[in-house]
């Protein structure tokens, strides 16, 4: 058995796999790449919202 500790502090107990293959690595890399794309989209959305909030604040500051 092995443990994987996430950035949130969660601990997942997983069975250690003795036959980790190149194919397994490619699958994991693919999943990581998808997650990175999702995170990039979230960052862009946050930046868009931040810009809109700044514009609203500027308009309200002029009133």
PDB file of N, CA and C in Angstrom:
ATOM      1  N   UNK A   1       0.845  -1.184   0.000  1.00  0.00           N
ATOM      2  CA  UNK A   1       0.000   0.000   0.000  1.00  0.00           C
ATOM      3  C   UNK A   1       0.884   1.238   0.000  1.00  0.00           C
ATOM      4  N   UNK A   2       0.385   2.266  -0.640  1.00  0.00           N
ATOM      5  CA  UNK A   2       1.096   3.532  -0.683  1.00  0.00           C
ATOM      6  C   UNK A   2       0.129   4.661  -0.386  1.00  0.00           C
ATOM      7  N   UNK A   3       0.672   5.834  -0.116  1.00  0.00           N
ATOM      8  CA  UNK A   3      -0.155   6.994   0.166  1.00  0.00           C
ATOM      9  C   UNK A   3       0.147   8.084  -0.839  1.00  0.00           C
ATOM     10  N   UNK A   4      -0.900   8.785  -1.250  1.00  0.00           N
ATOM     11  CA  UNK A   4      -0.756   9.971  -2.075  1.00  0.00           C
ATOM     12  C   UNK A   4      -1.368  11.113  -1.275  1.00  0.00           C
ATOM     13  N   UNK A   5      -0.573  12.141  -1.001  1.00  0.00           N
ATOM     14  CA  UNK A   5      -1.066  13.297  -0.258  1.00  0.00           C
ATOM     15  C   UNK A   5      -1.314  14.422  -1.254  1.00  0.00           C
ATOM     16  N   UNK A   6      -2.539  14.940  -1.246  1.00  0.00           N
ATOM     17  CA  UNK A   6      -2.888  16.003  -2.184  1.00  0.00           C
ATOM     18  C   UNK A   6      -2.532  17.360  -1.599  1.00  0.00           C
ATOM     19  N   UNK A   7      -2.641  18.403  -2.425  1.00  0.00           N
ATOM     20  CA  UNK A   7      -2.318  19.750  -1.959  1.00  0.00           C
ATOM     21  C   UNK A   7      -3.299  20.245  -0.910  1.00  0.00           C
ATOM     22  N   UNK A   8      -4.479  19.639  -0.830  1.00  0.00           N
ATOM     23  CA  UNK A   8      -5.451  20.039   0.186  1.00  0.00           C
ATOM     24  C   UNK A   8      -5.247  19.274   1.489  1.00  0.00           C
ATOM     25  N   UNK A   9      -4.273  18.379   1.499  1.00  0.00           N
ATOM     26  CA  UNK A   9      -3.999  17.614   2.701  1.00  0.00           C
ATOM     27  C   UNK A   9      -4.730  16.289   2.765  1.00  0.00           C
ATOM     28  N   UNK A  10      -5.562  16.008   1.781  1.00  0.00           N
ATOM     29  CA  UNK A  10      -6.242  14.715   1.735  1.00  0.00           C
ATOM     30  C   UNK A  10      -5.213  13.616   1.497  1.00  0.00           C
ATOM     31  N   UNK A  11      -5.457  12.475   2.089  1.00  0.00           N
ATOM     32  CA  UNK A  11      -4.558  11.340   1.892  1.00  0.00           C
ATOM     33  C   UNK A  11      -5.338  10.218   1.236  1.00  0.00           C
ATOM     34  N   UNK A  12      -4.883   9.794   0.084  1.00  0.00           N
ATOM     35  CA  UNK A  12      -5.484   8.658  -0.606  1.00  0.00           C
ATOM     36  C   UNK A  12      -4.579   7.454  -0.419  1.00  0.00           C
ATOM     37  N   UNK A  13      -5.162   6.346   0.011  1.00  0.00           N
ATOM     38  CA  UNK A  13      -4.396   5.111   0.141  1.00  0.00           C
ATOM     39  C   UNK A  13      -4.629   4.311  -1.128  1.00  0.00           C
ATOM     40  N   UNK A  14      -3.552   3.971  -1.772  1.00  0.00           N
ATOM     41  CA  UNK A  14      -3.650   3.236  -3.032  1.00  0.00           C
ATOM     42  C   UNK A  14      -2.757   2.012  -2.978  1.00  0.00           C
ATOM     43  N   UNK A  15      -3.143   1.021  -3.739  1.00  0.00           N
ATOM     44  CA  UNK A  15      -2.293  -0.156  -3.849  1.00  0.00           C
ATOM     45  C   UNK A  15      -1.118   0.184  -4.743  1.00  0.00           C
ATOM     46  N   UNK A  16       0.069  -0.188  -4.286  1.00  0.00           N
ATOM     47  CA  UNK A  16       1.236   0.052  -5.115  1.00  0.00           C
ATOM     48  C   UNK A  16       1.193  -0.888  -6.304  1.00  0.00           C
ATOM     49  N   UNK A  17       1.427  -0.329  -7.447  1.00  0.00           N
ATOM     50  CA  UNK A  17       1.386  -1.120  -8.671  1.00  0.00           C
ATOM     51  C   UNK A  17       2.815  -1.418  -9.084  1.00  0.00           C
ATOM     52  N   UNK A  18       3.146  -2.667  -9.125  1.00  0.00           N
ATOM     53  CA  UNK A  18       4.518  -3.046  -9.447  1.00  0.00           C
ATOM     54  C   UNK A  18       4.787  -2.999 -10.938  1.00  0.00           C
ATOM     55  N   UNK A  19       3.742  -3.006 -11.748  1.00  0.00           N
ATOM     56  CA  UNK A  19       3.952  -3.002 -13.188  1.00  0.00           C
ATOM     57  C   UNK A  19       3.470  -1.698 -13.808  1.00  0.00           C
ATOM     58  N   UNK A  20       4.054  -0.593 -13.339  1.00  0.00           N
ATOM     59  CA  UNK A  20       3.776   0.723 -13.906  1.00  0.00           C
ATOM     60  C   UNK A  20       4.475   0.798 -15.254  1.00  0.00           C
ATOM     61  N   UNK A  21       3.708   1.026 -16.283  1.00  0.00           N
ATOM     62  CA  UNK A  21       4.258   0.952 -17.635  1.00  0.00           C
ATOM     63  C   UNK A  21       4.327   2.326 -18.287  1.00  0.00           C
ATOM     64  N   UNK A  22       4.959   2.353 -19.426  1.00  0.00           N
ATOM     65  CA  UNK A  22       5.010   3.575 -20.223  1.00  0.00           C
ATOM     66  C   UNK A  22       3.599   4.007 -20.615  1.00  0.00           C
ATOM     67  N   UNK A  23       2.752   3.047 -20.915  1.00  0.00           N
ATOM     68  CA  UNK A  23       1.364   3.363 -21.269  1.00  0.00           C
ATOM     69  C   UNK A  23       0.641   4.014 -20.093  1.00  0.00           C
ATOM     70  N   UNK A  24       0.896   3.497 -18.883  1.00  0.00           N
ATOM     71  CA  UNK A  24       0.287   4.090 -17.688  1.00  0.00           C
ATOM     72  C   UNK A  24       0.750   5.528 -17.518  1.00  0.00           C
ATOM     73  N   UNK A  25       2.035   5.752 -17.744  1.00  0.00           N
ATOM     74  CA  UNK A  25       2.589   7.100 -17.624  1.00  0.00           C
ATOM     75  C   UNK A  25       1.951   8.035 -18.645  1.00  0.00           C
ATOM     76  N   UNK A  26       1.756   7.565 -19.856  1.00  0.00           N
ATOM     77  CA  UNK A  26       1.139   8.394 -20.896  1.00  0.00           C
ATOM     78  C   UNK A  26      -0.296   8.753 -20.536  1.00  0.00           C
ATOM     79  N   UNK A  27      -1.014   7.822 -19.942  1.00  0.00           N
ATOM     80  CA  UNK A  27      -2.390   8.096 -19.514  1.00  0.00           C
ATOM     81  C   UNK A  27      -2.398   9.176 -18.445  1.00  0.00           C
ATOM     82  N   UNK A  28      -1.514   9.040 -17.454  1.00  0.00           N
ATOM     83  CA  UNK A  28      -1.447  10.036 -16.383  1.00  0.00           C
ATOM     84  C   UNK A  28      -1.037  11.401 -16.917  1.00  0.00           C
ATOM     85  N   UNK A  29      -0.072  11.427 -17.814  1.00  0.00           N
ATOM     86  CA  UNK A  29       0.363  12.695 -18.408  1.00  0.00           C
ATOM     87  C   UNK A  29      -0.793  13.341 -19.164  1.00  0.00           C
ATOM     88  N   UNK A  30      -1.558  12.535 -19.881  1.00  0.00           N
ATOM     89  CA  UNK A  30      -2.728  13.061 -20.587  1.00  0.00           C
ATOM     90  C   UNK A  30      -3.740  13.676 -19.635  1.00  0.00           C
ATOM     91  N   UNK A  31      -3.975  13.015 -18.511  1.00  0.00           N
ATOM     92  CA  UNK A  31      -4.914  13.536 -17.519  1.00  0.00           C
ATOM     93  C   UNK A  31      -4.403  14.837 -16.929  1.00  0.00           C
ATOM     94  N   UNK A  32      -3.108  14.902 -16.663  1.00  0.00           N
ATOM     95  CA  UNK A  32      -2.510  16.126 -16.131  1.00  0.00           C
ATOM     96  C   UNK A  32      -2.654  17.266 -17.136  1.00  0.00           C
ATOM     97  N   UNK A  33      -2.443  16.977 -18.403  1.00  0.00           N
ATOM     98  CA  UNK A  33      -2.564  18.012 -19.433  1.00  0.00           C
ATOM     99  C   UNK A  33      -3.991  18.547 -19.521  1.00  0.00           C
ATOM    100  N   UNK A  34      -4.974  17.661 -19.404  1.00  0.00           N
ATOM    101  CA  UNK A  34      -6.371  18.097 -19.417  1.00  0.00           C
ATOM    102  C   UNK A  34      -6.648  18.979 -18.209  1.00  0.00           C
ATOM    103  N   UNK A  35      -6.149  18.577 -17.049  1.00  0.00           N
ATOM    104  CA  UNK A  35      -6.338  19.382 -15.837  1.00  0.00           C
ATOM    105  C   UNK A  35      -5.696  20.755 -15.996  1.00  0.00           C
ATOM    106  N   UNK A  36      -4.505  20.798 -16.588  1.00  0.00           N
ATOM    107  CA  UNK A  36      -3.833  22.076 -16.804  1.00  0.00           C
ATOM    108  C   UNK A  36      -4.638  22.976 -17.734  1.00  0.00           C
ATOM    109  N   UNK A  37      -5.244  22.398 -18.762  1.00  0.00           N
ATOM    110  CA  UNK A  37      -6.092  23.188 -19.666  1.00  0.00           C
ATOM    111  C   UNK A  37      -7.304  23.734 -18.920  1.00  0.00           C
ATOM    112  N   UNK A  38      -7.897  22.901 -18.078  1.00  0.00           N
ATOM    113  CA  UNK A  38      -9.040  23.347 -17.278  1.00  0.00           C
ATOM    114  C   UNK A  38      -8.633  24.486 -16.349  1.00  0.00           C
ATOM    115  N   UNK A  39      -7.474  24.345 -15.711  1.00  0.00           N
ATOM    116  CA  UNK A  39      -6.992  25.393 -14.812  1.00  0.00           C
ATOM    117  C   UNK A  39      -6.715  26.688 -15.564  1.00  0.00           C
ATOM    118  N   UNK A  40      -6.153  26.591 -16.755  1.00  0.00           N
ATOM    119  CA  UNK A  40      -5.887  27.780 -17.565  1.00  0.00           C
ATOM    120  C   UNK A  40      -7.185  28.503 -17.897  1.00  0.00           C
ATOM    121  N   UNK A  41      -8.222  27.747 -18.254  1.00  0.00           N
ATOM    122  CA  UNK A  41      -9.526  28.344 -18.557  1.00  0.00           C
ATOM    123  C   UNK A  41     -10.097  29.030 -17.323  1.00  0.00           C
ATOM    124  N   UNK A  42      -9.958  28.406 -16.166  1.00  0.00           N
ATOM    125  CA  UNK A  42     -10.445  29.006 -14.919  1.00  0.00           C
ATOM    126  C   UNK A  42      -9.699  30.305 -14.641  1.00  0.00           C
ATOM    127  N   UNK A  43      -8.373  30.315 -14.831  1.00  0.00           N
ATOM    128  CA  UNK A  43      -7.584  31.536 -14.623  1.00  0.00           C
ATOM    129  C   UNK A  43      -8.057  32.654 -15.544  1.00  0.00           C
ATOM    130  N   UNK A  44      -8.308  32.316 -16.810  1.00  0.00           N
ATOM    131  CA  UNK A  44      -8.790  33.316 -17.764  1.00  0.00           C
ATOM    132  C   UNK A  44     -10.149  33.859 -17.337  1.00  0.00           C
ATOM    133  N   UNK A  45     -11.026  32.979 -16.879  1.00  0.00           N
ATOM    134  CA  UNK A  45     -12.347  33.413 -16.414  1.00  0.00           C
ATOM    135  C   UNK A  45     -12.222  34.326 -15.204  1.00  0.00           C
ATOM    136  N   UNK A  46     -11.335  33.989 -14.279  1.00  0.00           N
ATOM    137  CA  UNK A  46     -11.121  34.816 -13.091  1.00  0.00           C
ATOM    138  C   UNK A  46     -10.593  36.187 -13.497  1.00  0.00           C
ATOM    139  N   UNK A  47      -9.656  36.219 -14.443  1.00  0.00           N
ATOM    140  CA  UNK A  47      -9.122  37.500 -14.906  1.00  0.00           C
ATOM    141  C   UNK A  47     -10.211  38.347 -15.554  1.00  0.00           C
ATOM    142  N   UNK A  48     -11.091  37.714 -16.333  1.00  0.00           N
ATOM    143  CA  UNK A  48     -12.201  38.445 -16.952  1.00  0.00           C
ATOM    144  C   UNK A  48     -13.121  39.041 -15.895  1.00  0.00           C
ATOM    145  N   UNK A  49     -13.452  38.264 -14.890  1.00  0.00           N
ATOM    146  CA  UNK A  49     -14.316  38.746 -13.812  1.00  0.00           C
ATOM    147  C   UNK A  49     -13.623  39.877 -13.060  1.00  0.00           C
ATOM    148  N   UNK A  50     -12.333  39.735 -12.804  1.00  0.00           N
ATOM    149  CA  UNK A  50     -11.572  40.769 -12.108  1.00  0.00           C
ATOM    150  C   UNK A  50     -11.597  42.081 -12.892  1.00  0.00           C
ATOM    151  N   UNK A  51     -11.424  42.007 -14.203  1.00  0.00           N
ATOM    152  CA  UNK A  51     -11.469  43.215 -15.041  1.00  0.00           C
ATOM    153  C   UNK A  51     -12.840  43.874 -14.978  1.00  0.00           C
ATOM    154  N   UNK A  52     -13.899  43.054 -15.037  1.00  0.00           N
ATOM    155  CA  UNK A  52     -15.250  43.612 -14.967  1.00  0.00           C
ATOM    156  C   UNK A  52     -15.502  44.285 -13.625  1.00  0.00           C
ATOM    157  N   UNK A  53     -15.025  43.650 -12.549  1.00  0.00           N
ATOM    158  CA  UNK A  53     -15.208  44.244 -11.222  1.00  0.00           C
ATOM    159  C   UNK A  53     -14.462  45.566 -11.103  1.00  0.00           C
ATOM    160  N   UNK A  54     -13.261  45.636 -11.662  1.00  0.00           N
ATOM    161  CA  UNK A  54     -12.503  46.892 -11.629  1.00  0.00           C
ATOM    162  C   UNK A  54     -13.227  47.976 -12.411  1.00  0.00           C
ATOM    163  N   UNK A  55     -13.788  47.618 -13.567  1.00  0.00           N
ATOM    164  CA  UNK A  55     -14.553  48.591 -14.349  1.00  0.00           C
ATOM    165  C   UNK A  55     -15.764  49.086 -13.578  1.00  0.00           C
ATOM    166  N   UNK A  56     -16.472  48.179 -12.929  1.00  0.00           N
ATOM    167  CA  UNK A  56     -17.642  48.561 -12.131  1.00  0.00           C
ATOM    168  C   UNK A  56     -17.217  49.485 -11.001  1.00  0.00           C
ATOM    169  N   UNK A  57     -16.115  49.150 -10.331  1.00  0.00           N
ATOM    170  CA  UNK A  57     -15.616  49.973  -9.229  1.00  0.00           C
ATOM    171  C   UNK A  57     -15.243  51.363  -9.728  1.00  0.00           C
ATOM    172  N   UNK A  58     -14.604  51.434 -10.891  1.00  0.00           N
ATOM    173  CA  UNK A  58     -14.244  52.733 -11.466  1.00  0.00           C
ATOM    174  C   UNK A  58     -15.483  53.571 -11.759  1.00  0.00           C
ATOM    175  N   UNK A  59     -16.504  52.940 -12.341  1.00  0.00           N
ATOM    176  CA  UNK A  59     -17.742  53.656 -12.656  1.00  0.00           C
ATOM    177  C   UNK A  59     -18.409  54.135 -11.378  1.00  0.00           C
ATOM    178  N   UNK A  60     -18.492  53.278 -10.384  1.00  0.00           N
ATOM    179  CA  UNK A  60     -19.124  53.668  -9.119  1.00  0.00           C
ATOM    180  C   UNK A  60     -18.330  54.764  -8.420  1.00  0.00           C
ATOM    181  N   UNK A  61     -17.010  54.752  -8.590  1.00  0.00           N
ATOM    182  CA  UNK A  61     -16.174  55.787  -7.973  1.00  0.00           C
ATOM    183  C   UNK A  61     -16.402  57.155  -8.575  1.00  0.00           C
ATOM    184  N   UNK A  62     -16.906  57.215  -9.790  1.00  0.00           N
ATOM    185  CA  UNK A  62     -17.166  58.494 -10.456  1.00  0.00           C
ATOM    186  C   UNK A  62     -18.533  59.070 -10.106  1.00  0.00           C
ATOM    187  N   UNK A  63     -19.379  58.243  -9.518  1.00  0.00           N
ATOM    188  CA  UNK A  63     -20.750  58.695  -9.201  1.00  0.00           C
ATOM    189  C   UNK A  63     -20.737  59.540  -7.946  1.00  0.00           C
TER     190      UNK A  63
END
